[in-house]
């Protein structure tokens, strides 16, 4: 008897961020409740070297930093996380992504800008929350941290990668068998992580235009690739062959990002997109901003026809 196929992993992209501001703890709680298998943490650092869960290196599109701390921007007009200590970061209000010049939200119809108050969590605070949710619900939801711009942080005098690993270690996530993938666009960063935590499952993120990729080399240090949806499937030509080539190297494929309210070109419905990537291309996981939509689709596929 052959083994039952493994159900693809639902990776909550910045939490259930179609429903609540991205990377708010509330978005992570909702994603956990909606059936996500992994919760993503984008990680940058504060001026005092504390890893926080926040996508951008600058604060302007997601907080009230310009009103709260006028005159603190760099020459490019942006307020960088690295220029604010944790005490200051805790004073900021986390908001829906918006244009800081006009106040216009990126995706109208998502959580209203001023409907509630949220704060930026530290990485350790979020990991403790997830541990608590797993205990109280009996689920075993994993984490999917991304070290953001490690070389840029280093140029700014901040060693982000060791700081992230210290938190993961303190919270027990460097223990073999923990439900974790660690991702980064930087191969050098992943190699640095591998030197300290040899058994940690690593994911090589790929830019939207990945060009020539030595998948055999990636397979030497990573267990998966994280490509864009568009790099796996082209509306006019079909499969790019990347998913098939990665699987041939023993690599899992975890593409980004499924948004039910912003489907990529060539897809007319949620069902069509999920059927293509989780069915035809057999992707092993999917970054999703509506984890509940993916969970419902997977449940429907598993029911007897």
Protein backbone atom coordinates (compact mmCIF):
# COMPACT_ATOMS: atom_id res chain seq x y z
CA UNK A 1 0.00 0.00 0.00
CA UNK A 2 1.42 3.39 -0.96
CA UNK A 3 1.70 6.19 1.60
CA UNK A 4 -1.06 8.76 1.66
CA UNK A 5 -0.02 12.03 -0.01
CA UNK A 6 1.14 14.76 2.33
CA UNK A 7 -1.26 17.65 2.67
CA UNK A 8 0.36 20.93 1.52
CA UNK A 9 1.32 23.30 4.33
CA UNK A 10 -0.68 26.50 4.79
CA UNK A 11 1.81 29.27 5.64
CA UNK A 12 0.10 32.37 6.99
CA UNK A 13 1.77 35.28 5.17
CA UNK A 14 2.34 37.90 7.87
CA UNK A 15 -0.54 36.21 9.70
CA UNK A 16 -4.10 36.37 8.42
CA UNK A 17 -3.22 39.79 7.06
CA UNK A 18 -6.18 40.02 4.69
CA UNK A 19 -8.32 40.45 7.80
CA UNK A 20 -6.10 42.27 10.33
CA UNK A 21 -2.97 44.47 10.04
CA UNK A 22 0.04 42.48 8.91
CA UNK A 23 2.25 41.02 11.64
CA UNK A 24 -0.04 42.18 14.42
CA UNK A 25 -0.40 39.56 17.12
CA UNK A 26 -4.11 39.59 16.38
CA UNK A 27 -3.42 38.54 12.79
CA UNK A 28 -1.32 35.63 14.07
CA UNK A 29 -4.02 34.50 16.50
CA UNK A 30 -6.62 34.56 13.72
CA UNK A 31 -4.37 32.63 11.32
CA UNK A 32 -3.79 30.04 14.03
CA UNK A 33 -7.55 29.68 14.47
CA UNK A 34 -8.16 29.52 10.70
CA UNK A 35 -6.05 26.39 10.31
CA UNK A 36 -2.63 27.69 9.29
CA UNK A 37 0.17 25.14 9.69
CA UNK A 38 2.90 27.79 9.96
CA UNK A 39 2.90 31.46 10.95
CA UNK A 40 5.41 33.71 9.21
CA UNK A 41 7.65 36.21 11.04
CA UNK A 42 9.54 38.83 9.03
CA UNK A 43 12.33 40.05 11.29
CA UNK A 44 14.22 43.34 11.44
CA UNK A 45 16.06 44.96 14.34
CA UNK A 46 15.65 48.00 16.58
CA UNK A 47 18.40 50.49 17.43
CA UNK A 48 19.19 48.46 20.53
CA UNK A 49 19.47 45.24 18.55
CA UNK A 50 16.15 43.65 19.51
CA UNK A 51 14.59 41.47 16.78
CA UNK A 52 11.04 42.62 16.05
CA UNK A 53 8.38 41.12 13.79
CA UNK A 54 7.95 43.68 11.02
CA UNK A 55 8.27 43.40 7.26
CA UNK A 56 9.88 46.66 6.16
CA UNK A 57 13.21 48.12 7.28
CA UNK A 58 11.36 51.44 7.58
CA UNK A 59 8.25 52.24 9.61
CA UNK A 60 6.38 54.72 7.44
CA UNK A 61 3.88 52.54 5.55
CA UNK A 62 2.67 50.58 8.55
CA UNK A 63 2.75 52.90 11.57
CA UNK A 64 2.10 56.45 12.77
CA UNK A 65 5.82 57.16 13.11
CA UNK A 66 5.64 60.48 11.23
CA UNK A 67 3.04 61.87 13.63
CA UNK A 68 4.60 60.30 16.72
CA UNK A 69 8.26 61.17 16.03
CA UNK A 70 8.49 64.07 13.56
CA UNK A 71 11.96 64.99 12.34
CA UNK A 72 13.52 61.55 12.75
CA UNK A 73 13.60 60.51 9.09
CA UNK A 74 16.81 59.86 7.18
CA UNK A 75 17.76 61.85 4.10
CA UNK A 76 15.49 59.66 1.96
CA UNK A 77 12.49 60.79 4.01
CA UNK A 78 11.98 57.40 5.67
CA UNK A 79 12.03 56.44 9.34
CA UNK A 80 14.05 53.26 9.82
CA UNK A 81 13.42 50.66 12.51
CA UNK A 82 17.15 50.66 13.25
CA UNK A 83 16.97 54.33 14.29
CA UNK A 84 14.41 53.69 17.05
CA UNK A 85 14.92 51.86 20.34
CA UNK A 86 12.46 49.25 21.51
CA UNK A 87 10.91 51.69 24.01
CA UNK A 88 10.12 54.04 21.12
CA UNK A 89 8.92 51.21 18.85
CA UNK A 90 6.43 50.20 21.53
CA UNK A 91 4.86 53.67 21.34
CA UNK A 92 3.97 53.32 17.66
CA UNK A 93 0.56 52.27 16.42
CA UNK A 94 0.65 49.42 13.90
CA UNK A 95 -1.72 50.10 11.01
CA UNK A 96 -2.94 48.68 7.73
CA UNK A 97 -0.38 49.23 4.95
CA UNK A 98 -0.87 52.68 3.44
CA UNK A 99 0.76 55.48 1.48
CA UNK A 100 2.29 57.67 4.22
CA UNK A 101 1.99 60.79 2.06
CA UNK A 102 -1.71 60.44 1.20
CA UNK A 103 -2.96 58.06 3.90
CA UNK A 104 -4.58 55.92 1.21
CA UNK A 105 -4.57 52.20 2.13
CA UNK A 106 -2.90 49.74 -0.22
CA UNK A 107 -5.85 47.36 -0.41
CA UNK A 108 -9.24 48.96 0.28
CA UNK A 109 -11.72 46.58 1.83
CA UNK A 110 -9.27 45.15 4.32
CA UNK A 111 -9.16 46.11 8.00
CA UNK A 112 -10.06 49.83 8.43
CA UNK A 113 -7.09 52.04 9.24
CA UNK A 114 -8.29 53.41 12.58
CA UNK A 115 -10.74 50.73 13.73
CA UNK A 116 -8.51 49.41 16.53
CA UNK A 117 -5.08 49.81 18.08
CA UNK A 118 -2.20 47.37 17.49
CA UNK A 119 1.50 47.32 18.41
CA UNK A 120 4.68 45.88 16.90
CA UNK A 121 5.71 42.69 18.73
CA UNK A 122 9.22 41.49 19.44
CA UNK A 123 10.14 38.12 18.00
CA UNK A 124 10.29 36.60 21.46
CA UNK A 125 6.84 37.92 22.39
CA UNK A 126 5.33 36.37 19.28
CA UNK A 127 7.02 33.01 19.77
CA UNK A 128 5.77 32.83 23.35
CA UNK A 129 2.25 33.63 22.12
CA UNK A 130 2.39 30.81 19.58
CA UNK A 131 3.65 28.37 22.21
CA UNK A 132 0.73 29.41 24.40
CA UNK A 133 -1.81 28.97 21.61
CA UNK A 134 -0.45 25.53 20.80
CA UNK A 135 -0.78 24.55 24.45
CA UNK A 136 -4.31 25.85 24.87
CA UNK A 137 -5.66 24.51 21.56
CA UNK A 138 -3.74 21.26 21.31
CA UNK A 139 -2.56 22.19 17.82
CA UNK A 140 1.10 22.16 16.73
CA UNK A 141 1.36 25.25 14.54
CA UNK A 142 4.92 25.97 13.46
CA UNK A 143 6.85 29.14 12.77
CA UNK A 144 8.38 30.39 9.51
CA UNK A 145 10.78 33.26 10.33
CA UNK A 146 12.52 35.33 7.64
CA UNK A 147 15.72 37.20 8.36
CA UNK A 148 15.24 40.45 6.44
CA UNK A 149 18.15 42.19 4.71
CA UNK A 150 20.92 40.64 6.83
CA UNK A 151 23.76 42.25 4.85
CA UNK A 152 22.11 45.68 5.06
CA UNK A 153 21.73 45.32 8.82
CA UNK A 154 25.39 44.34 9.05
CA UNK A 155 26.41 47.41 7.05
CA UNK A 156 24.45 49.48 9.57
CA UNK A 157 26.39 47.91 12.45
CA UNK A 158 23.76 45.36 13.49
CA UNK A 159 24.34 41.59 13.52
CA UNK A 160 20.74 40.52 12.93
CA UNK A 161 21.30 36.85 12.14
CA UNK A 162 22.98 35.90 15.45
CA UNK A 163 20.36 37.93 17.34
CA UNK A 164 17.54 36.00 15.66
CA UNK A 165 19.21 32.66 16.34
CA UNK A 166 19.66 33.62 19.99
CA UNK A 167 15.91 34.21 20.34
CA UNK A 168 15.05 30.99 18.49
CA UNK A 169 17.42 29.10 20.77
CA UNK A 170 16.02 30.70 23.92
CA UNK A 171 12.48 29.78 22.84
CA UNK A 172 13.42 26.19 22.05
CA UNK A 173 13.19 26.34 18.25
CA UNK A 174 16.72 25.13 17.57
CA UNK A 175 15.83 21.79 19.14
CA UNK A 176 15.62 19.01 16.51
CA UNK A 177 12.07 18.14 15.53
CA UNK A 178 10.57 21.57 16.14
CA UNK A 179 8.03 22.80 13.56
CA UNK A 180 10.10 25.53 11.92
CA UNK A 181 11.40 26.65 8.55
CA UNK A 182 13.85 29.56 8.41
CA UNK A 183 13.87 31.57 5.19
CA UNK A 184 16.03 34.25 3.63
CA UNK A 185 16.82 35.70 0.20
CA UNK A 186 20.51 35.68 1.11
CA UNK A 187 22.30 32.39 0.51
CA UNK A 188 25.24 33.65 2.58
CA UNK A 189 22.92 34.23 5.53
CA UNK A 190 21.48 30.72 5.23
CA UNK A 191 25.00 29.29 5.16
CA UNK A 192 25.77 31.27 8.33
CA UNK A 193 22.66 29.83 9.99
CA UNK A 194 23.59 26.32 8.88
CA UNK A 195 27.02 26.66 10.50
CA UNK A 196 25.39 27.28 13.88
CA UNK A 197 22.24 25.17 13.58
CA UNK A 198 23.03 22.37 11.16
CA UNK A 199 19.67 20.63 11.46
CA UNK A 200 17.46 23.70 11.03
CA UNK A 201 15.26 23.41 7.89
CA UNK A 202 16.26 26.29 5.59
CA UNK A 203 14.35 27.84 2.70
CA UNK A 204 16.05 29.73 -0.10
CA UNK A 205 13.74 32.56 -1.10
CA UNK A 206 13.87 33.55 -4.75
CA UNK A 207 13.17 37.00 -6.18
CA UNK A 208 10.29 37.29 -8.61
CA UNK A 209 12.81 37.19 -11.47
CA UNK A 210 15.18 34.46 -10.41
CA UNK A 211 17.11 33.94 -13.66
CA UNK A 212 19.48 30.98 -13.70
CA UNK A 213 19.33 29.07 -10.43
CA UNK A 214 21.69 26.26 -9.40
CA UNK A 215 19.13 24.08 -7.69
CA UNK A 216 21.68 21.37 -7.02
CA UNK A 217 23.73 23.87 -5.00
CA UNK A 218 20.63 25.05 -3.11
CA UNK A 219 19.81 21.44 -2.27
CA UNK A 220 23.17 21.24 -0.50
CA UNK A 221 22.03 23.57 2.29
CA UNK A 222 18.26 24.09 2.03
CA UNK A 223 15.20 21.84 2.16
CA UNK A 224 12.93 24.11 0.10
CA UNK A 225 12.74 27.07 -2.23
CA UNK A 226 10.36 29.99 -1.90
CA UNK A 227 9.61 31.31 -5.40
CA UNK A 228 6.89 33.70 -6.51
CA UNK A 229 3.71 32.27 -7.98
CA UNK A 230 4.53 34.02 -11.23
CA UNK A 231 7.92 32.32 -11.54
CA UNK A 232 6.27 28.88 -11.42
CA UNK A 233 3.43 29.46 -13.86
CA UNK A 234 3.12 31.84 -16.80
CA UNK A 235 -0.39 32.58 -18.13
CA UNK A 236 0.72 32.21 -21.75
CA UNK A 237 3.22 29.37 -21.57
CA UNK A 238 2.18 27.32 -18.54
CA UNK A 239 4.64 25.78 -16.12
CA UNK A 240 8.12 27.29 -16.09
CA UNK A 241 9.55 23.94 -15.06
CA UNK A 242 10.96 25.36 -11.81
CA UNK A 243 8.66 23.37 -9.52
CA UNK A 244 9.41 20.14 -11.34
CA UNK A 245 13.17 20.81 -11.33
CA UNK A 246 13.15 21.62 -7.61
CA UNK A 247 11.26 18.44 -6.79
CA UNK A 248 13.75 16.47 -8.87
CA UNK A 249 16.49 17.82 -6.56
CA UNK A 250 14.54 16.77 -3.48
CA UNK A 251 13.56 20.35 -2.64
CA UNK A 252 10.12 21.33 -1.41
CA UNK A 253 8.40 24.25 -3.15
CA UNK A 254 6.64 26.93 -1.06
CA UNK A 255 5.53 29.77 -3.37
CA UNK A 256 4.35 33.24 -2.36
CA UNK A 257 1.76 34.86 -2.15
CA UNK A 258 -1.88 33.76 -2.40
CA UNK A 259 -4.32 36.65 -2.03
CA UNK A 260 -7.94 35.86 -2.74
CA UNK A 261 -8.60 39.57 -3.27
CA UNK A 262 -5.65 40.08 -5.63
CA UNK A 263 -5.20 37.06 -7.91
CA UNK A 264 -2.23 37.06 -10.31
CA UNK A 265 -2.73 37.56 -14.02
CA UNK A 266 -4.26 34.61 -15.80
CA UNK A 267 -6.37 33.35 -12.89
CA UNK A 268 -10.09 34.04 -12.73
CA UNK A 269 -10.90 32.33 -9.44
CA UNK A 270 -9.47 31.07 -6.16
CA UNK A 271 -10.30 27.47 -7.11
CA UNK A 272 -8.39 27.78 -10.38
CA UNK A 273 -5.28 29.14 -8.68
CA UNK A 274 -5.24 26.59 -5.88
CA UNK A 275 -5.91 23.74 -8.31
CA UNK A 276 -2.98 24.84 -10.43
CA UNK A 277 -0.40 25.29 -7.67
CA UNK A 278 -1.47 22.72 -5.07
CA UNK A 279 -2.83 20.26 -7.60
CA UNK A 280 -1.03 20.34 -10.95
CA UNK A 281 2.33 21.67 -9.73
CA UNK A 282 2.14 19.73 -6.43
CA UNK A 283 3.56 22.59 -4.39
CA UNK A 284 4.39 21.45 -0.86
CA UNK A 285 3.15 24.62 0.81
CA UNK A 286 1.69 28.01 0.00
CA UNK A 287 2.04 31.45 1.57
CA UNK A 288 -1.49 32.76 2.03
CA UNK A 289 -3.08 35.94 3.36
CA UNK A 290 -6.44 34.17 3.75
CA UNK A 291 -5.45 30.87 5.41
CA UNK A 292 -9.11 29.95 5.82
CA UNK A 293 -9.67 29.96 2.05
CA UNK A 294 -6.81 27.53 1.47
CA UNK A 295 -7.91 25.31 4.38
CA UNK A 296 -11.46 25.17 2.99
CA UNK A 297 -10.18 24.21 -0.47
CA UNK A 298 -7.93 21.48 0.92
CA UNK A 299 -10.77 20.13 3.04
CA UNK A 300 -13.03 19.99 -0.01
CA UNK A 301 -10.38 18.04 -1.98
CA UNK A 302 -10.10 15.45 0.77
CA UNK A 303 -13.81 14.68 0.92
CA UNK A 304 -15.04 11.62 -0.97
CA UNK A 305 -16.39 12.61 -4.36
